[in-house]
């Protein structure tokens, strides 16, 4: 799951050095993802993992790093 999320981020957004991107690094603070990018990530999560992301769930606590995205997916899949 984490590998799929990481691959999506590094393939679809500009990441200067994908190997150096830490799983807990803020995607927003690093300028990797903006508000439109967050919506792209949500669309990916819904399509790839088969669940609906509610508007209230689109918060930094859920979508601001690879680790947070992975934890969010795990929580939604339960």
PDB file of N, CA and C in Angstrom:
ATOM      1  N   UNK A   1       0.826  -1.186   0.000  1.00  0.00           N
ATOM      2  CA  UNK A   1       0.000   0.000   0.000  1.00  0.00           C
ATOM      3  C   UNK A   1       0.879   1.262   0.000  1.00  0.00           C
ATOM      4  N   UNK A   2       1.855   1.317   0.899  1.00  0.00           N
ATOM      5  CA  UNK A   2       2.725   2.485   0.969  1.00  0.00           C
ATOM      6  C   UNK A   2       3.511   2.649  -0.328  1.00  0.00           C
ATOM      7  N   UNK A   3       3.922   1.542  -0.921  1.00  0.00           N
ATOM      8  CA  UNK A   3       4.646   1.600  -2.184  1.00  0.00           C
ATOM      9  C   UNK A   3       3.810   2.195  -3.300  1.00  0.00           C
ATOM     10  N   UNK A   4       2.525   1.847  -3.346  1.00  0.00           N
ATOM     11  CA  UNK A   4       1.632   2.395  -4.371  1.00  0.00           C
ATOM     12  C   UNK A   4       1.450   3.895  -4.186  1.00  0.00           C
ATOM     13  N   UNK A   5       1.291   4.321  -2.932  1.00  0.00           N
ATOM     14  CA  UNK A   5       1.124   5.746  -2.644  1.00  0.00           C
ATOM     15  C   UNK A   5       2.398   6.501  -3.028  1.00  0.00           C
ATOM     16  N   UNK A   6       3.551   5.985  -2.625  1.00  0.00           N
ATOM     17  CA  UNK A   6       4.830   6.624  -2.946  1.00  0.00           C
ATOM     18  C   UNK A   6       5.022   6.713  -4.460  1.00  0.00           C
ATOM     19  N   UNK A   7       4.728   5.629  -5.162  1.00  0.00           N
ATOM     20  CA  UNK A   7       4.897   5.628  -6.614  1.00  0.00           C
ATOM     21  C   UNK A   7       3.992   6.665  -7.267  1.00  0.00           C
ATOM     22  N   UNK A   8       2.747   6.772  -6.803  1.00  0.00           N
ATOM     23  CA  UNK A   8       1.835   7.768  -7.368  1.00  0.00           C
ATOM     24  C   UNK A   8       2.387   9.178  -7.158  1.00  0.00           C
ATOM     25  N   UNK A   9       2.838   9.469  -5.948  1.00  0.00           N
ATOM     26  CA  UNK A   9       3.355  10.807  -5.642  1.00  0.00           C
ATOM     27  C   UNK A   9       4.578  11.120  -6.502  1.00  0.00           C
ATOM     28  N   UNK A  10       5.533  10.224  -6.555  1.00  0.00           N
ATOM     29  CA  UNK A  10       6.781  10.502  -7.276  1.00  0.00           C
ATOM     30  C   UNK A  10       6.610  10.477  -8.793  1.00  0.00           C
ATOM     31  N   UNK A  11       5.575   9.811  -9.277  1.00  0.00           N
ATOM     32  CA  UNK A  11       5.322   9.757 -10.717  1.00  0.00           C
ATOM     33  C   UNK A  11       4.493  10.942 -11.200  1.00  0.00           C
ATOM     34  N   UNK A  12       3.555  11.400 -10.380  1.00  0.00           N
ATOM     35  CA  UNK A  12       2.603  12.418 -10.819  1.00  0.00           C
ATOM     36  C   UNK A  12       2.911  13.836 -10.357  1.00  0.00           C
ATOM     37  N   UNK A  13       3.856  13.984  -9.451  1.00  0.00           N
ATOM     38  CA  UNK A  13       4.231  15.308  -8.959  1.00  0.00           C
ATOM     39  C   UNK A  13       5.739  15.450  -9.058  1.00  0.00           C
ATOM     40  N   UNK A  14       6.196  16.699  -9.166  1.00  0.00           N
ATOM     41  CA  UNK A  14       7.640  16.907  -9.281  1.00  0.00           C
ATOM     42  C   UNK A  14       8.306  16.672  -7.927  1.00  0.00           C
ATOM     43  N   UNK A  15       9.123  15.651  -7.876  1.00  0.00           N
ATOM     44  CA  UNK A  15       9.930  15.343  -6.697  1.00  0.00           C
ATOM     45  C   UNK A  15      11.372  15.291  -7.191  1.00  0.00           C
ATOM     46  N   UNK A  16      12.178  16.277  -6.772  1.00  0.00           N
ATOM     47  CA  UNK A  16      13.546  16.398  -7.284  1.00  0.00           C
ATOM     48  C   UNK A  16      14.351  15.118  -7.090  1.00  0.00           C
ATOM     49  N   UNK A  17      14.261  14.526  -5.918  1.00  0.00           N
ATOM     50  CA  UNK A  17      15.010  13.303  -5.624  1.00  0.00           C
ATOM     51  C   UNK A  17      14.078  12.330  -4.900  1.00  0.00           C
ATOM     52  N   UNK A  18      13.359  11.496  -5.642  1.00  0.00           N
ATOM     53  CA  UNK A  18      12.394  10.583  -5.023  1.00  0.00           C
ATOM     54  C   UNK A  18      12.986   9.718  -3.914  1.00  0.00           C
ATOM     55  N   UNK A  19      14.242   9.308  -4.054  1.00  0.00           N
ATOM     56  CA  UNK A  19      14.864   8.460  -3.036  1.00  0.00           C
ATOM     57  C   UNK A  19      15.054   9.212  -1.720  1.00  0.00           C
ATOM     58  N   UNK A  20      15.178  10.536  -1.798  1.00  0.00           N
ATOM     59  CA  UNK A  20      15.400  11.341  -0.594  1.00  0.00           C
ATOM     60  C   UNK A  20      14.095  11.761   0.084  1.00  0.00           C
ATOM     61  N   UNK A  21      12.969  11.540  -0.573  1.00  0.00           N
ATOM     62  CA  UNK A  21      11.677  11.929   0.000  1.00  0.00           C
ATOM     63  C   UNK A  21      11.335  11.007   1.161  1.00  0.00           C
ATOM     64  N   UNK A  22      11.307  11.571   2.347  1.00  0.00           N
ATOM     65  CA  UNK A  22      10.992  10.781   3.537  1.00  0.00           C
ATOM     66  C   UNK A  22       9.488  10.575   3.628  1.00  0.00           C
ATOM     67  N   UNK A  23       9.098   9.434   4.149  1.00  0.00           N
ATOM     68  CA  UNK A  23       7.678   9.098   4.231  1.00  0.00           C
ATOM     69  C   UNK A  23       6.892  10.057   5.109  1.00  0.00           C
ATOM     70  N   UNK A  24       7.560  10.696   6.078  1.00  0.00           N
ATOM     71  CA  UNK A  24       6.848  11.610   6.966  1.00  0.00           C
ATOM     72  C   UNK A  24       7.045  13.081   6.592  1.00  0.00           C
ATOM     73  N   UNK A  25       7.659  13.352   5.444  1.00  0.00           N
ATOM     74  CA  UNK A  25       7.860  14.729   4.989  1.00  0.00           C
ATOM     75  C   UNK A  25       6.533  15.324   4.524  1.00  0.00           C
ATOM     76  N   UNK A  26       6.301  16.587   4.889  1.00  0.00           N
ATOM     77  CA  UNK A  26       5.078  17.272   4.477  1.00  0.00           C
ATOM     78  C   UNK A  26       5.113  17.551   2.978  1.00  0.00           C
ATOM     79  N   UNK A  27       4.151  17.009   2.266  1.00  0.00           N
ATOM     80  CA  UNK A  27       4.067  17.224   0.822  1.00  0.00           C
ATOM     81  C   UNK A  27       3.659  18.657   0.511  1.00  0.00           C
ATOM     82  N   UNK A  28       2.859  19.257   1.384  1.00  0.00           N
ATOM     83  CA  UNK A  28       2.418  20.638   1.196  1.00  0.00           C
ATOM     84  C   UNK A  28       3.554  21.611   1.493  1.00  0.00           C
ATOM     85  N   UNK A  29       4.215  21.454   2.635  1.00  0.00           N
ATOM     86  CA  UNK A  29       5.308  22.359   3.010  1.00  0.00           C
ATOM     87  C   UNK A  29       6.473  22.280   2.035  1.00  0.00           C
ATOM     88  N   UNK A  30       6.713  21.107   1.470  1.00  0.00           N
ATOM     89  CA  UNK A  30       7.811  20.929   0.515  1.00  0.00           C
ATOM     90  C   UNK A  30       7.459  21.465  -0.871  1.00  0.00           C
ATOM     91  N   UNK A  31       6.199  21.866  -1.066  1.00  0.00           N
ATOM     92  CA  UNK A  31       5.775  22.387  -2.359  1.00  0.00           C
ATOM     93  C   UNK A  31       5.577  21.312  -3.414  1.00  0.00           C
ATOM     94  N   UNK A  32       5.509  20.070  -2.992  1.00  0.00           N
ATOM     95  CA  UNK A  32       5.315  18.962  -3.929  1.00  0.00           C
ATOM     96  C   UNK A  32       3.860  18.908  -4.379  1.00  0.00           C
ATOM     97  N   UNK A  33       2.954  19.160  -3.445  1.00  0.00           N
ATOM     98  CA  UNK A  33       1.519  19.079  -3.713  1.00  0.00           C
ATOM     99  C   UNK A  33       0.866  20.396  -3.307  1.00  0.00           C
ATOM    100  N   UNK A  34      -0.052  20.871  -4.151  1.00  0.00           N
ATOM    101  CA  UNK A  34      -0.863  22.035  -3.800  1.00  0.00           C
ATOM    102  C   UNK A  34      -2.311  21.574  -3.651  1.00  0.00           C
ATOM    103  N   UNK A  35      -3.241  22.514  -3.542  1.00  0.00           N
ATOM    104  CA  UNK A  35      -4.636  22.124  -3.305  1.00  0.00           C
ATOM    105  C   UNK A  35      -5.201  21.285  -4.451  1.00  0.00           C
ATOM    106  N   UNK A  36      -4.829  21.592  -5.674  1.00  0.00           N
ATOM    107  CA  UNK A  36      -5.274  20.785  -6.808  1.00  0.00           C
ATOM    108  C   UNK A  36      -4.658  19.393  -6.738  1.00  0.00           C
ATOM    109  N   UNK A  37      -3.413  19.329  -6.329  1.00  0.00           N
ATOM    110  CA  UNK A  37      -2.733  18.045  -6.174  1.00  0.00           C
ATOM    111  C   UNK A  37      -3.393  17.171  -5.131  1.00  0.00           C
ATOM    112  N   UNK A  38      -3.874  17.789  -4.059  1.00  0.00           N
ATOM    113  CA  UNK A  38      -4.579  17.029  -3.023  1.00  0.00           C
ATOM    114  C   UNK A  38      -5.805  16.350  -3.629  1.00  0.00           C
ATOM    115  N   UNK A  39      -6.511  17.062  -4.493  1.00  0.00           N
ATOM    116  CA  UNK A  39      -7.686  16.472  -5.141  1.00  0.00           C
ATOM    117  C   UNK A  39      -7.283  15.319  -6.063  1.00  0.00           C
ATOM    118  N   UNK A  40      -6.146  15.439  -6.730  1.00  0.00           N
ATOM    119  CA  UNK A  40      -5.643  14.341  -7.562  1.00  0.00           C
ATOM    120  C   UNK A  40      -5.322  13.119  -6.700  1.00  0.00           C
ATOM    121  N   UNK A  41      -4.724  13.357  -5.544  1.00  0.00           N
ATOM    122  CA  UNK A  41      -4.412  12.259  -4.627  1.00  0.00           C
ATOM    123  C   UNK A  41      -5.691  11.582  -4.159  1.00  0.00           C
ATOM    124  N   UNK A  42      -6.699  12.375  -3.811  1.00  0.00           N
ATOM    125  CA  UNK A  42      -7.983  11.816  -3.363  1.00  0.00           C
ATOM    126  C   UNK A  42      -8.583  10.948  -4.461  1.00  0.00           C
ATOM    127  N   UNK A  43      -8.559  11.430  -5.686  1.00  0.00           N
ATOM    128  CA  UNK A  43      -9.094  10.658  -6.811  1.00  0.00           C
ATOM    129  C   UNK A  43      -8.325   9.344  -6.972  1.00  0.00           C
ATOM    130  N   UNK A  44      -7.014   9.392  -6.838  1.00  0.00           N
ATOM    131  CA  UNK A  44      -6.191   8.186  -6.904  1.00  0.00           C
ATOM    132  C   UNK A  44      -6.574   7.207  -5.798  1.00  0.00           C
ATOM    133  N   UNK A  45      -6.677   7.686  -4.568  1.00  0.00           N
ATOM    134  CA  UNK A  45      -7.020   6.810  -3.441  1.00  0.00           C
ATOM    135  C   UNK A  45      -8.362   6.128  -3.667  1.00  0.00           C
ATOM    136  N   UNK A  46      -9.344   6.899  -4.105  1.00  0.00           N
ATOM    137  CA  UNK A  46     -10.677   6.333  -4.330  1.00  0.00           C
ATOM    138  C   UNK A  46     -10.650   5.266  -5.422  1.00  0.00           C
ATOM    139  N   UNK A  47      -9.928   5.531  -6.501  1.00  0.00           N
ATOM    140  CA  UNK A  47      -9.868   4.576  -7.598  1.00  0.00           C
ATOM    141  C   UNK A  47      -9.021   3.355  -7.291  1.00  0.00           C
ATOM    142  N   UNK A  48      -7.891   3.574  -6.663  1.00  0.00           N
ATOM    143  CA  UNK A  48      -6.939   2.492  -6.400  1.00  0.00           C
ATOM    144  C   UNK A  48      -7.377   1.586  -5.260  1.00  0.00           C
ATOM    145  N   UNK A  49      -7.962   2.180  -4.221  1.00  0.00           N
ATOM    146  CA  UNK A  49      -8.263   1.408  -3.020  1.00  0.00           C
ATOM    147  C   UNK A  49      -9.754   1.186  -2.791  1.00  0.00           C
ATOM    148  N   UNK A  50     -10.604   1.758  -3.644  1.00  0.00           N
ATOM    149  CA  UNK A  50     -12.025   1.433  -3.646  1.00  0.00           C
ATOM    150  C   UNK A  50     -12.840   1.945  -2.471  1.00  0.00           C
ATOM    151  N   UNK A  51     -12.572   3.160  -2.029  1.00  0.00           N
ATOM    152  CA  UNK A  51     -13.414   3.761  -0.994  1.00  0.00           C
ATOM    153  C   UNK A  51     -13.653   5.222  -1.327  1.00  0.00           C
ATOM    154  N   UNK A  52     -14.643   5.811  -0.681  1.00  0.00           N
ATOM    155  CA  UNK A  52     -15.002   7.215  -0.884  1.00  0.00           C
ATOM    156  C   UNK A  52     -14.330   8.055   0.191  1.00  0.00           C
ATOM    157  N   UNK A  53     -13.703   9.136  -0.225  1.00  0.00           N
ATOM    158  CA  UNK A  53     -13.119  10.092   0.710  1.00  0.00           C
ATOM    159  C   UNK A  53     -14.121  11.228   0.872  1.00  0.00           C
ATOM    160  N   UNK A  54     -14.576  11.424   2.084  1.00  0.00           N
ATOM    161  CA  UNK A  54     -15.529  12.501   2.372  1.00  0.00           C
ATOM    162  C   UNK A  54     -14.788  13.838   2.421  1.00  0.00           C
ATOM    163  N   UNK A  55     -15.501  14.917   2.093  1.00  0.00           N
ATOM    164  CA  UNK A  55     -14.884  16.247   2.105  1.00  0.00           C
ATOM    165  C   UNK A  55     -14.233  16.556   3.455  1.00  0.00           C
ATOM    166  N   UNK A  56     -14.894  16.183   4.539  1.00  0.00           N
ATOM    167  CA  UNK A  56     -14.379  16.468   5.885  1.00  0.00           C
ATOM    168  C   UNK A  56     -13.086  15.710   6.187  1.00  0.00           C
ATOM    169  N   UNK A  57     -12.784  14.686   5.399  1.00  0.00           N
ATOM    170  CA  UNK A  57     -11.568  13.892   5.608  1.00  0.00           C
ATOM    171  C   UNK A  57     -10.358  14.451   4.857  1.00  0.00           C
ATOM    172  N   UNK A  58     -10.601  15.437   3.996  1.00  0.00           N
ATOM    173  CA  UNK A  58      -9.513  16.016   3.208  1.00  0.00           C
ATOM    174  C   UNK A  58      -8.850  17.111   4.046  1.00  0.00           C
ATOM    175  N   UNK A  59      -8.049  16.664   4.989  1.00  0.00           N
ATOM    176  CA  UNK A  59      -7.334  17.554   5.907  1.00  0.00           C
ATOM    177  C   UNK A  59      -5.868  17.112   5.956  1.00  0.00           C
ATOM    178  N   UNK A  60      -4.965  18.032   6.315  1.00  0.00           N
ATOM    179  CA  UNK A  60      -3.546  17.672   6.358  1.00  0.00           C
ATOM    180  C   UNK A  60      -3.240  16.434   7.199  1.00  0.00           C
ATOM    181  N   UNK A  61      -3.982  16.231   8.263  1.00  0.00           N
ATOM    182  CA  UNK A  61      -3.745  15.066   9.117  1.00  0.00           C
ATOM    183  C   UNK A  61      -3.881  13.752   8.346  1.00  0.00           C
ATOM    184  N   UNK A  62      -4.629  13.768   7.247  1.00  0.00           N
ATOM    185  CA  UNK A  62      -4.842  12.557   6.450  1.00  0.00           C
ATOM    186  C   UNK A  62      -4.029  12.515   5.158  1.00  0.00           C
ATOM    187  N   UNK A  63      -3.684  13.675   4.607  1.00  0.00           N
ATOM    188  CA  UNK A  63      -3.137  13.680   3.245  1.00  0.00           C
ATOM    189  C   UNK A  63      -1.811  14.419   3.072  1.00  0.00           C
ATOM    190  N   UNK A  64      -1.130  14.780   4.155  1.00  0.00           N
ATOM    191  CA  UNK A  64       0.036  15.651   4.019  1.00  0.00           C
ATOM    192  C   UNK A  64       1.379  14.933   3.912  1.00  0.00           C
ATOM    193  N   UNK A  65       1.403  13.630   3.980  1.00  0.00           N
ATOM    194  CA  UNK A  65       2.668  12.902   3.805  1.00  0.00           C
ATOM    195  C   UNK A  65       2.351  11.485   3.338  1.00  0.00           C
ATOM    196  N   UNK A  66       3.350  10.806   2.885  1.00  0.00           N
ATOM    197  CA  UNK A  66       3.154   9.421   2.459  1.00  0.00           C
ATOM    198  C   UNK A  66       2.708   8.573   3.648  1.00  0.00           C
ATOM    199  N   UNK A  67       3.305   8.802   4.800  1.00  0.00           N
ATOM    200  CA  UNK A  67       2.916   8.047   6.003  1.00  0.00           C
ATOM    201  C   UNK A  67       1.469   8.312   6.388  1.00  0.00           C
ATOM    202  N   UNK A  68       1.070   9.580   6.354  1.00  0.00           N
ATOM    203  CA  UNK A  68      -0.309   9.923   6.715  1.00  0.00           C
ATOM    204  C   UNK A  68      -1.301   9.358   5.704  1.00  0.00           C
ATOM    205  N   UNK A  69      -0.948   9.413   4.438  1.00  0.00           N
ATOM    206  CA  UNK A  69      -1.820   8.839   3.409  1.00  0.00           C
ATOM    207  C   UNK A  69      -1.974   7.335   3.604  1.00  0.00           C
ATOM    208  N   UNK A  70      -0.877   6.665   3.898  1.00  0.00           N
ATOM    209  CA  UNK A  70      -0.914   5.219   4.106  1.00  0.00           C
ATOM    210  C   UNK A  70      -1.761   4.863   5.323  1.00  0.00           C
ATOM    211  N   UNK A  71      -1.608   5.610   6.402  1.00  0.00           N
ATOM    212  CA  UNK A  71      -2.410   5.369   7.610  1.00  0.00           C
ATOM    213  C   UNK A  71      -3.889   5.631   7.337  1.00  0.00           C
ATOM    214  N   UNK A  72      -4.173   6.667   6.561  1.00  0.00           N
ATOM    215  CA  UNK A  72      -5.555   6.993   6.213  1.00  0.00           C
ATOM    216  C   UNK A  72      -6.184   5.864   5.400  1.00  0.00           C
ATOM    217  N   UNK A  73      -5.454   5.359   4.422  1.00  0.00           N
ATOM    218  CA  UNK A  73      -5.958   4.248   3.609  1.00  0.00           C
ATOM    219  C   UNK A  73      -6.225   3.031   4.492  1.00  0.00           C
ATOM    220  N   UNK A  74      -5.299   2.716   5.369  1.00  0.00           N
ATOM    221  CA  UNK A  74      -5.468   1.559   6.261  1.00  0.00           C
ATOM    222  C   UNK A  74      -6.713   1.723   7.128  1.00  0.00           C
ATOM    223  N   UNK A  75      -6.941   2.926   7.626  1.00  0.00           N
ATOM    224  CA  UNK A  75      -8.119   3.199   8.458  1.00  0.00           C
ATOM    225  C   UNK A  75      -9.408   3.046   7.646  1.00  0.00           C
ATOM    226  N   UNK A  76      -9.403   3.554   6.427  1.00  0.00           N
ATOM    227  CA  UNK A  76     -10.602   3.487   5.579  1.00  0.00           C
ATOM    228  C   UNK A  76     -10.901   2.060   5.122  1.00  0.00           C
ATOM    229  N   UNK A  77      -9.876   1.252   4.979  1.00  0.00           N
ATOM    230  CA  UNK A  77     -10.066  -0.112   4.476  1.00  0.00           C
ATOM    231  C   UNK A  77     -10.583  -1.065   5.551  1.00  0.00           C
ATOM    232  N   UNK A  78     -10.591  -0.652   6.821  1.00  0.00           N
ATOM    233  CA  UNK A  78     -11.065  -1.529   7.903  1.00  0.00           C
ATOM    234  C   UNK A  78     -12.552  -1.737   7.828  1.00  0.00           C
TER     235      UNK A  78
END
